[in-house]
Each structure stands twice: as C-alpha cells, then as structure tokens.
Amino acid sequence: VAMIYFGLVVGDSGDRLIPPTPAVAVDTWFALTADNGDKAEFLIVASGARVSDNEATPDHPLAAPALGKAVGDTFEIDMGLTGVRTWTVKEIKHKYLHAFHDICQNFETRFPNARGLWRITVPEDDITPALDMVKRLGEADDRKADLYLEQGLPFAMVAVHVSGGSIPFAEYVRNRDRDIATAVGLEHERAVALEAIEEKRDGGLVLDTYATWTAATMGALDVLSKVFGTLTIAQSTMDELRRLRDRITPHNGESLSLGWSDGKFNGQRLDADQAAERLDIFDETVRAIEKACMIAPVDAPDTLTPIEETIAKGFGPHVLDPAYLAGDRLLLSEDRYYRDAVAQMQGVTSTWLQPILM
C-alpha cells in the first residue's frame, strides 16, 4: 500500500491529488516552534484523534489558536506554571503530502526487507551516490539472475527476487541478450510432449503466468482453446498482472527508468502518450486472457514436503500454484527447469507451446 501510494503521488505531475494548504485547517499537518525552542507538530482531524500519532481535533489547546494561520504567523498561549509562550507556524502540509513525506522518510526502516523504495542523500549537482546505488542493485540482480541463467533454478522462483514477476524477468533476461530455457530441442523430447498432449487434452490445460502472457501476446489463446477446450490459470496469475499494471499507470509527465546490468547502465524514457499506449495494449491483453481462461483459486496441500516448505519460504507462497492447480491435468510452462522440478516433486505432466502449435 505504501509503495503504491508513493507511485500515485509521484506520477501526479498535474498536482491533482494534493490540495493547496495556505493555512492551518482540518486535514492539515503543521509544525510549531516556541520562543523557548520547544517544538510541536500535529495532524488536525475532525474527530477521533489518536494522540499517540500526534493527531489533534480543532479544539486542542495548541491547534485551536493555530487555525487559519499561515507559515510565519504567531500566537501566544498561557502555559500555566511555565508562563506565556509565543508559537510560530513553521510548516504546513496537507495530510496527503504529509503521508507521502512520511513514506519517503521512513519506508526503508519500516520495511527493511521490501524492494522498490530506498532513500539516499546526494550532494548538490552530484548524482553519483544514486548511480552507485543503481549499480549495486543491478549487480545484485545479475548475481541472483545467474541462479536461473547458469544454475538452472526455475524461472518463476528467481523472478521473485529480481523483478518481482516472471513477465518483467523475461524482459530482463532478453535485455542481457540471453535466452529463456524452454526446451532441450531433441526430437524425443517433442515426441513425449505430443504424446502427453494427446493423452491429456480432454482434461483441459493449466497455464503458468509467463506461458499465459506469451500465448496472449502471440494471439494463440484461441488455438489453445481449440486443442484443449478449457484453459485455466491461477488467481495469483491475475494478481501478478494487476501488480504489473500498477507499474505502467500513465501520468502527465515523462518518466525515466535506470538500471545496471552486464557492466553498463541502461535507461528508458517514457512520455505520457507512450505510457498510455502501453497501458492500452496491456489492458487489451488482459481482457483476452480473462475471456479465454478460467481463473481459479489454488488449494495448497495440507501437508507440505520439506522441499515445498523451503520453496514457499524462499520464493513466496504462490510459485507452485500452477503445479498445484494442474494436478492430473496438463501444465503449460515455457520454463523447462520449472517443468522438470514439478514433475519430480509432484508428478505433474507438462509441455511448452511449440508441441501444441505443431
């Protein structure tokens, strides 16, 4: 929620979300400084103030005289035994802006294991610290990606830690001029797959996330439907697509993404029109998926094997969803390492697109 809110505000270059706040009022945060150096800050709410969160209602002794005041205005309050103090309004923000700044300041310490938002300090006119951080993150991603590219760990598992999803990870792999390991390429391998298709086609087909996206962007979902009748995907696949959509929500200005891979920086600029066009294509593809596929919840086994527990802890609870959903049905996956793993762990029979199209 915090990351999506951050992206929502950053993408609002038209300043539509946060109203101007020229004076202290309900739904504003403000900071005060007293003539003796004391400081105070409050978020004014209409009712139900949480004092522990520095919230105050308009009748609060310090909030009431500040209402209507602008930055730089002063007021006096008799503090009882400590005498009369003069307070100066030092800063005013709308509550939405205050929430945004709070996320920027504290996200990294509140969610130290989360990816996606870091705070760094850079000297004026010197972005070297930012570039160094991008480089460190890129080098870490390259090392993790090598678990797939060099060690043969399943595609979807590595994607969790590199890109957050299998679709952007596929783009990452191609940007490194590497291939996705779909099959060995032997005639016997294709023959076994064709035999499995003939044997299990009446039970329908289950697709993992990347296979779903690949078939949809190829315009091949109708072919799969004609061969198998019923196409089924896990609910977690749709959840992943929604998270991916959040990354490309269009905005009024230009965005720049910057990364590091294989020893060099790489960036991409995207203006509002390009973002809107990309979003239209994305939404059209998702509509095609929703039209062609049944979306099903996935029940994991009541008892996990030690390897399944390790996978769930290391790569999240949904990596094995397509395999659990498939059961005795045929699974479509473009990752031969995943197909090999679920065949050994759960006895799932699988194929890739090429034999089906043949």
Protein backbone atom coordinates (compact mmCIF):
# COMPACT_ATOMS: atom_id res chain seq x y z
CA VAL A 1 0.00 0.00 0.00
CA ALA A 2 2.82 2.40 0.90
CA MET A 3 4.66 1.76 -2.38
CA ILE A 4 1.52 2.14 -4.48
CA TYR A 5 0.69 5.40 -2.68
CA PHE A 6 4.22 6.65 -3.35
CA GLY A 7 3.85 5.88 -7.06
CA LEU A 8 0.42 7.50 -7.14
CA VAL A 9 1.78 10.80 -5.82
CA VAL A 10 4.99 10.76 -7.86
CA GLY A 11 3.00 10.13 -11.03
CA ASP A 12 0.65 13.04 -10.34
CA SER A 13 2.63 15.75 -12.13
CA GLY A 14 -0.55 17.76 -12.60
CA ASP A 15 -0.88 18.28 -8.81
CA ARG A 16 -4.43 16.93 -8.84
CA LEU A 17 -4.26 14.75 -5.76
CA ILE A 18 -2.98 17.13 -3.08
CA PRO A 19 -4.96 20.35 -2.46
CA PRO A 20 -3.07 23.57 -1.67
CA THR A 21 -2.75 24.35 2.05
CA PRO A 22 -2.16 28.08 2.63
CA ALA A 23 -3.36 27.96 6.25
CA VAL A 24 -3.75 25.56 9.16
CA ALA A 25 -7.10 23.73 8.93
CA VAL A 26 -8.71 20.34 9.38
CA ASP A 27 -6.87 17.72 7.30
CA THR A 28 -3.57 19.60 7.51
CA TRP A 29 -0.35 18.78 9.29
CA PHE A 30 1.58 21.69 10.78
CA ALA A 31 4.76 22.28 12.78
CA LEU A 32 5.25 24.88 15.52
CA THR A 33 8.29 26.37 17.25
CA ALA A 34 8.06 28.26 20.56
CA ASP A 35 10.17 31.22 21.63
CA ASN A 36 11.98 29.00 24.15
CA GLY A 37 12.91 26.46 21.46
CA ASP A 38 10.16 23.92 22.12
CA LYS A 39 8.71 22.23 19.06
CA ALA A 40 5.36 20.59 18.34
CA GLU A 41 3.60 19.11 15.35
CA PHE A 42 0.04 17.95 14.79
CA LEU A 43 -2.24 16.48 12.17
CA ILE A 44 -5.67 18.06 12.63
CA VAL A 45 -8.59 15.66 12.21
CA ALA A 46 -12.29 16.39 12.56
CA SER A 47 -12.79 13.80 15.29
CA GLY A 48 -11.37 10.63 16.80
CA ALA A 49 -7.82 11.96 17.20
CA ARG A 50 -5.12 9.43 18.04
CA VAL A 51 -2.93 11.37 20.43
CA SER A 52 -0.11 8.84 20.19
CA ASP A 53 0.10 9.57 16.45
CA ASN A 54 0.26 13.36 17.03
CA GLU A 55 -3.31 13.83 15.86
CA ALA A 56 -5.44 16.62 17.30
CA THR A 57 -9.01 17.86 16.92
CA PRO A 58 -9.72 21.54 16.19
CA ASP A 59 -10.42 22.25 19.88
CA HIS A 60 -6.94 21.14 21.01
CA PRO A 61 -5.24 23.93 23.05
CA LEU A 62 -2.39 24.26 20.57
CA ALA A 63 -4.38 23.53 17.42
CA ALA A 64 -7.29 25.91 18.07
CA PRO A 65 -5.27 29.19 18.07
CA ALA A 66 -3.29 27.96 15.03
CA LEU A 67 -6.39 27.52 12.83
CA GLY A 68 -6.33 29.95 9.92
CA LYS A 69 -2.68 30.87 10.50
CA ALA A 70 -0.17 30.81 7.63
CA VAL A 71 3.53 29.94 7.73
CA GLY A 72 5.32 32.65 9.74
CA ASP A 73 2.25 33.71 11.74
CA THR A 74 2.50 33.70 15.54
CA PHE A 75 0.16 33.34 18.52
CA GLU A 76 0.51 33.33 22.29
CA ILE A 77 -0.63 30.71 24.79
CA ASP A 78 -0.53 30.83 28.56
CA MET A 79 1.16 27.57 29.50
CA GLY A 80 0.36 27.94 33.21
CA LEU A 81 3.34 27.45 35.51
CA THR A 82 5.82 27.93 32.66
CA GLY A 83 4.27 31.24 31.60
CA VAL A 84 3.19 32.70 28.28
CA ARG A 85 4.87 31.37 25.17
CA THR A 86 4.85 32.67 21.64
CA TRP A 87 4.45 29.98 18.99
CA THR A 88 5.35 30.39 15.31
CA VAL A 89 3.89 28.30 12.48
CA LYS A 90 6.94 26.92 10.68
CA GLU A 91 5.42 24.49 8.16
CA ILE A 92 2.02 23.42 6.82
CA LYS A 93 1.20 20.41 4.66
CA HIS A 94 -1.97 18.74 3.52
CA LYS A 95 -2.37 15.33 5.16
CA TYR A 96 -1.81 13.60 1.82
CA LEU A 97 1.55 15.35 1.37
CA HIS A 98 2.49 14.60 4.97
CA ALA A 99 1.74 10.90 4.41
CA PHE A 100 3.86 10.95 1.25
CA HIS A 101 6.83 12.56 3.03
CA ASP A 102 6.45 10.10 5.92
CA ILE A 103 6.70 7.19 3.48
CA CYS A 104 9.76 8.71 1.79
CA GLN A 105 11.49 9.25 5.12
CA ASN A 106 10.66 6.01 6.88
CA PHE A 107 9.86 3.27 4.32
CA GLU A 108 13.33 1.76 4.35
CA THR A 109 13.41 1.37 8.14
CA ARG A 110 9.80 0.20 8.47
CA PHE A 111 10.08 -2.39 5.70
CA PRO A 112 13.79 -3.29 5.55
CA ASN A 113 13.16 -6.48 3.58
CA ALA A 114 10.99 -4.83 0.93
CA ARG A 115 12.25 -3.94 -2.55
CA GLY A 116 11.34 -0.91 -4.57
CA LEU A 117 11.87 2.22 -2.46
CA TRP A 118 15.10 3.49 -0.92
CA ARG A 119 16.13 6.87 0.45
CA ILE A 120 19.57 8.28 -0.35
CA THR A 121 21.22 11.65 0.24
CA VAL A 122 23.05 13.26 -2.67
CA PRO A 123 25.23 16.39 -2.72
CA GLU A 124 24.01 19.28 -4.85
CA ASP A 125 24.58 18.70 -8.59
CA ASP A 126 26.10 15.26 -7.97
CA ILE A 127 24.03 12.15 -8.65
CA THR A 128 26.97 9.79 -8.16
CA PRO A 129 25.53 8.25 -4.94
CA ALA A 130 22.28 7.49 -6.80
CA LEU A 131 24.18 5.91 -9.70
CA ASP A 132 26.28 3.88 -7.26
CA MET A 133 23.13 2.53 -5.63
CA VAL A 134 21.61 1.62 -9.02
CA LYS A 135 24.85 -0.16 -9.89
CA ARG A 136 24.89 -2.12 -6.61
CA LEU A 137 21.25 -3.16 -7.07
CA GLY A 138 21.92 -4.14 -10.68
CA GLU A 139 24.96 -6.23 -9.74
CA ALA A 140 22.92 -7.96 -7.03
CA ASP A 141 20.17 -8.71 -9.55
CA ASP A 142 22.72 -10.09 -12.01
CA ARG A 143 24.03 -12.48 -9.35
CA LYS A 144 20.51 -13.63 -8.50
CA ALA A 145 19.57 -13.98 -12.17
CA ASP A 146 22.54 -16.25 -12.68
CA LEU A 147 20.77 -18.77 -10.44
CA TYR A 148 18.46 -19.22 -13.43
CA LEU A 149 20.83 -18.46 -16.31
CA GLU A 150 23.78 -20.51 -15.04
CA GLN A 151 22.44 -22.84 -12.33
CA GLY A 152 19.03 -23.81 -13.74
CA LEU A 153 16.82 -22.68 -10.84
CA PRO A 154 13.23 -22.34 -12.11
CA PHE A 155 12.39 -19.08 -13.86
CA ALA A 156 9.47 -18.05 -11.62
CA MET A 157 11.47 -18.58 -8.42
CA VAL A 158 14.34 -16.34 -9.48
CA ALA A 159 11.92 -13.73 -10.85
CA VAL A 160 10.51 -13.18 -7.35
CA HIS A 161 13.85 -11.77 -6.20
CA VAL A 162 14.98 -9.98 -9.37
CA SER A 163 11.96 -8.29 -10.94
CA GLY A 164 9.01 -9.23 -8.76
CA GLY A 165 7.35 -11.19 -11.54
CA SER A 166 8.02 -13.59 -14.39
CA ILE A 167 6.93 -11.22 -17.18
CA PRO A 168 9.40 -8.41 -16.36
CA PHE A 169 12.05 -11.05 -15.63
CA ALA A 170 11.68 -12.35 -19.18
CA GLU A 171 12.36 -8.83 -20.44
CA TYR A 172 15.36 -8.63 -18.11
CA VAL A 173 16.77 -11.91 -19.50
CA ARG A 174 16.38 -10.71 -23.09
CA ASN A 175 17.98 -7.35 -22.24
CA ARG A 176 21.02 -9.36 -21.19
CA ASP A 177 21.00 -11.00 -24.64
CA ARG A 178 20.20 -14.36 -23.08
CA ASP A 179 17.54 -16.92 -23.94
CA ILE A 180 14.75 -18.43 -21.88
CA ALA A 181 15.42 -22.14 -21.49
CA THR A 182 12.21 -23.58 -22.92
CA ALA A 183 13.36 -26.99 -24.12
CA VAL A 184 16.48 -29.00 -24.86
CA GLY A 185 15.42 -29.28 -28.50
CA LEU A 186 15.57 -33.02 -29.06
CA GLU A 187 13.14 -34.94 -31.26
CA HIS A 188 12.42 -37.44 -28.48
CA GLU A 189 11.52 -34.55 -26.16
CA ARG A 190 8.94 -33.26 -28.64
CA ALA A 191 7.54 -36.74 -29.19
CA VAL A 192 6.96 -37.22 -25.46
CA ALA A 193 5.25 -33.82 -25.28
CA LEU A 194 2.99 -34.60 -28.25
CA GLU A 195 2.03 -37.89 -26.64
CA ALA A 196 1.16 -36.11 -23.38
CA ILE A 197 -0.98 -33.58 -25.29
CA GLU A 198 -2.97 -36.37 -26.96
CA GLU A 199 -3.37 -38.24 -23.67
CA LYS A 200 -4.48 -35.29 -21.52
CA ARG A 201 -6.14 -32.85 -23.93
CA ASP A 202 -9.66 -33.79 -22.80
CA GLY A 203 -8.88 -32.63 -19.26
CA GLY A 204 -8.08 -29.09 -20.30
CA LEU A 205 -4.89 -27.08 -19.93
CA VAL A 206 -3.41 -25.17 -16.96
CA LEU A 207 -1.05 -22.29 -17.77
CA ASP A 208 1.55 -20.62 -15.58
CA THR A 209 1.89 -16.83 -15.63
CA TYR A 210 4.59 -16.44 -18.25
CA ALA A 211 3.00 -19.02 -20.58
CA THR A 212 -0.32 -17.20 -20.24
CA TRP A 213 1.26 -13.88 -21.18
CA THR A 214 3.27 -15.41 -24.04
CA ALA A 215 0.25 -17.12 -25.57
CA ALA A 216 -1.88 -13.99 -25.18
CA THR A 217 0.64 -11.65 -26.81
CA MET A 218 1.12 -14.17 -29.64
CA GLY A 219 -2.63 -14.28 -30.19
CA ALA A 220 -2.51 -18.03 -29.58
CA LEU A 221 -5.09 -18.42 -26.82
CA ASP A 222 -7.78 -19.36 -29.34
CA VAL A 223 -5.51 -22.13 -30.66
CA LEU A 224 -5.02 -23.48 -27.16
CA SER A 225 -8.77 -23.38 -26.59
CA LYS A 226 -9.41 -25.37 -29.77
CA VAL A 227 -6.91 -28.04 -28.75
CA PHE A 228 -7.84 -28.34 -25.07
CA GLY A 229 -11.29 -26.83 -24.70
CA THR A 230 -10.77 -25.40 -21.22
CA LEU A 231 -7.87 -23.12 -20.22
CA THR A 232 -7.32 -22.47 -16.52
CA ILE A 233 -4.99 -20.06 -14.72
CA ALA A 234 -4.38 -19.43 -11.03
CA GLN A 235 -5.79 -16.39 -9.26
CA SER A 236 -2.21 -15.47 -8.35
CA THR A 237 -1.51 -15.03 -12.08
CA MET A 238 -4.16 -12.31 -12.28
CA ASP A 239 -2.80 -10.76 -9.09
CA GLU A 240 0.65 -10.60 -10.68
CA LEU A 241 -0.77 -8.96 -13.80
CA ARG A 242 -2.52 -6.33 -11.68
CA ARG A 243 0.73 -5.53 -9.87
CA LEU A 244 2.49 -5.23 -13.21
CA ARG A 245 -0.22 -2.87 -14.45
CA ASP A 246 0.37 -0.58 -11.48
CA ARG A 247 3.92 -0.04 -12.73
CA ILE A 248 2.81 1.44 -16.05
CA THR A 249 -0.10 3.64 -14.95
CA PRO A 250 0.16 6.72 -17.21
CA HIS A 251 0.94 10.16 -15.84
CA ASN A 252 1.13 13.71 -17.18
CA GLY A 253 4.88 13.96 -17.47
CA GLU A 254 7.90 11.94 -18.57
CA SER A 255 9.35 9.07 -16.58
CA LEU A 256 12.85 7.66 -16.66
CA SER A 257 13.83 4.17 -15.54
CA LEU A 258 17.50 3.46 -14.92
CA GLY A 259 19.21 0.14 -14.33
CA TRP A 260 22.56 -1.61 -14.42
CA SER A 261 23.26 -4.98 -16.00
CA ASP A 262 26.24 -6.74 -17.53
CA GLY A 263 28.61 -3.92 -16.62
CA LYS A 264 26.70 -0.96 -18.04
CA PHE A 265 23.88 1.43 -17.26
CA ASN A 266 20.69 1.17 -19.26
CA GLY A 267 17.71 3.51 -19.20
CA GLN A 268 14.35 4.06 -20.79
CA ARG A 269 12.36 7.25 -21.17
CA LEU A 270 8.58 7.08 -21.35
CA ASP A 271 6.34 10.06 -22.03
CA ALA A 272 2.64 10.26 -21.15
CA ASP A 273 1.47 9.19 -24.63
CA GLN A 274 3.80 6.19 -24.70
CA ALA A 275 2.69 5.14 -21.22
CA ALA A 276 -0.98 5.43 -22.21
CA GLU A 277 -0.37 3.38 -25.37
CA ARG A 278 1.49 0.71 -23.40
CA LEU A 279 -1.32 0.59 -20.86
CA ASP A 280 -3.96 0.18 -23.60
CA ILE A 281 -2.04 -2.77 -25.07
CA PHE A 282 -1.63 -4.28 -21.62
CA ASP A 283 -5.33 -3.95 -20.79
CA GLU A 284 -6.32 -5.42 -24.16
CA THR A 285 -4.08 -8.43 -23.50
CA VAL A 286 -5.54 -8.92 -20.01
CA ARG A 287 -9.07 -8.78 -21.42
CA ALA A 288 -8.14 -11.51 -23.90
CA ILE A 289 -6.80 -13.63 -21.03
CA GLU A 290 -9.94 -13.11 -18.94
CA LYS A 291 -12.12 -14.03 -21.91
CA ALA A 292 -10.22 -17.20 -22.80
CA CYS A 293 -9.27 -18.55 -19.36
CA MET A 294 -11.00 -19.73 -16.22
CA ILE A 295 -9.45 -18.03 -13.17
CA ALA A 296 -9.29 -20.41 -10.22
CA PRO A 297 -8.18 -20.20 -6.60
CA VAL A 298 -5.48 -22.67 -5.63
CA ASP A 299 -5.55 -25.01 -2.65
CA ALA A 300 -2.09 -25.94 -1.45
CA PRO A 301 -1.66 -29.37 0.14
CA ASP A 302 -2.50 -29.60 3.84
CA THR A 303 0.98 -31.00 4.43
CA LEU A 304 3.98 -29.70 2.51
CA THR A 305 7.09 -31.73 1.82
CA PRO A 306 10.38 -30.27 3.13
CA ILE A 307 11.30 -29.02 -0.35
CA GLU A 308 7.89 -27.39 -0.78
CA GLU A 309 8.28 -25.65 2.57
CA THR A 310 11.71 -24.41 1.53
CA ILE A 311 10.32 -23.08 -1.76
CA ALA A 312 7.42 -21.33 -0.02
CA LYS A 313 9.73 -19.65 2.49
CA GLY A 314 12.35 -18.67 -0.06
CA PHE A 315 10.22 -17.70 -3.03
CA GLY A 316 6.75 -16.92 -1.69
CA PRO A 317 3.55 -18.95 -1.36
CA HIS A 318 2.42 -18.79 -5.00
CA VAL A 319 5.37 -20.10 -7.03
CA LEU A 320 3.93 -23.62 -7.08
CA ASP A 321 0.33 -22.51 -7.74
CA PRO A 322 0.29 -23.64 -11.41
CA ALA A 323 1.55 -27.10 -10.42
CA TYR A 324 -0.95 -27.45 -7.58
CA LEU A 325 -3.73 -26.29 -9.89
CA ALA A 326 -2.72 -28.69 -12.65
CA GLY A 327 -2.77 -31.87 -10.58
CA ASP A 328 -3.54 -34.62 -13.11
CA ARG A 329 -4.12 -32.14 -15.92
CA LEU A 330 -1.52 -30.94 -18.39
CA LEU A 331 0.56 -27.89 -17.39
CA LEU A 332 1.84 -25.38 -19.94
CA SER A 333 5.12 -23.69 -18.98
CA GLU A 334 7.83 -22.17 -21.15
CA ASP A 335 10.44 -22.90 -18.44
CA ARG A 336 11.90 -26.39 -18.70
CA TYR A 337 13.52 -26.06 -15.25
CA TYR A 338 10.09 -25.49 -13.69
CA ARG A 339 8.60 -28.38 -15.67
CA ASP A 340 11.39 -30.68 -14.51
CA ALA A 341 11.02 -29.56 -10.88
CA VAL A 342 7.25 -30.06 -10.59
CA ALA A 343 7.48 -33.40 -12.44
CA GLN A 344 9.93 -34.66 -9.84
CA MET A 345 8.19 -33.12 -6.81
CA GLN A 346 4.54 -33.68 -7.69
CA GLY A 347 4.40 -35.88 -10.78
CA VAL A 348 2.90 -33.07 -12.90
CA THR A 349 2.90 -33.69 -16.65
CA SER A 350 3.71 -30.59 -18.70
CA THR A 351 4.51 -29.22 -22.11
CA TRP A 352 5.53 -26.00 -23.79
CA LEU A 353 3.92 -24.05 -26.62
CA GLN A 354 5.83 -25.44 -29.58
CA PRO A 355 4.40 -29.01 -29.48
CA ILE A 356 0.86 -27.67 -29.05
CA LEU A 357 1.21 -25.40 -32.08
CA MET A 358 2.67 -28.31 -34.03
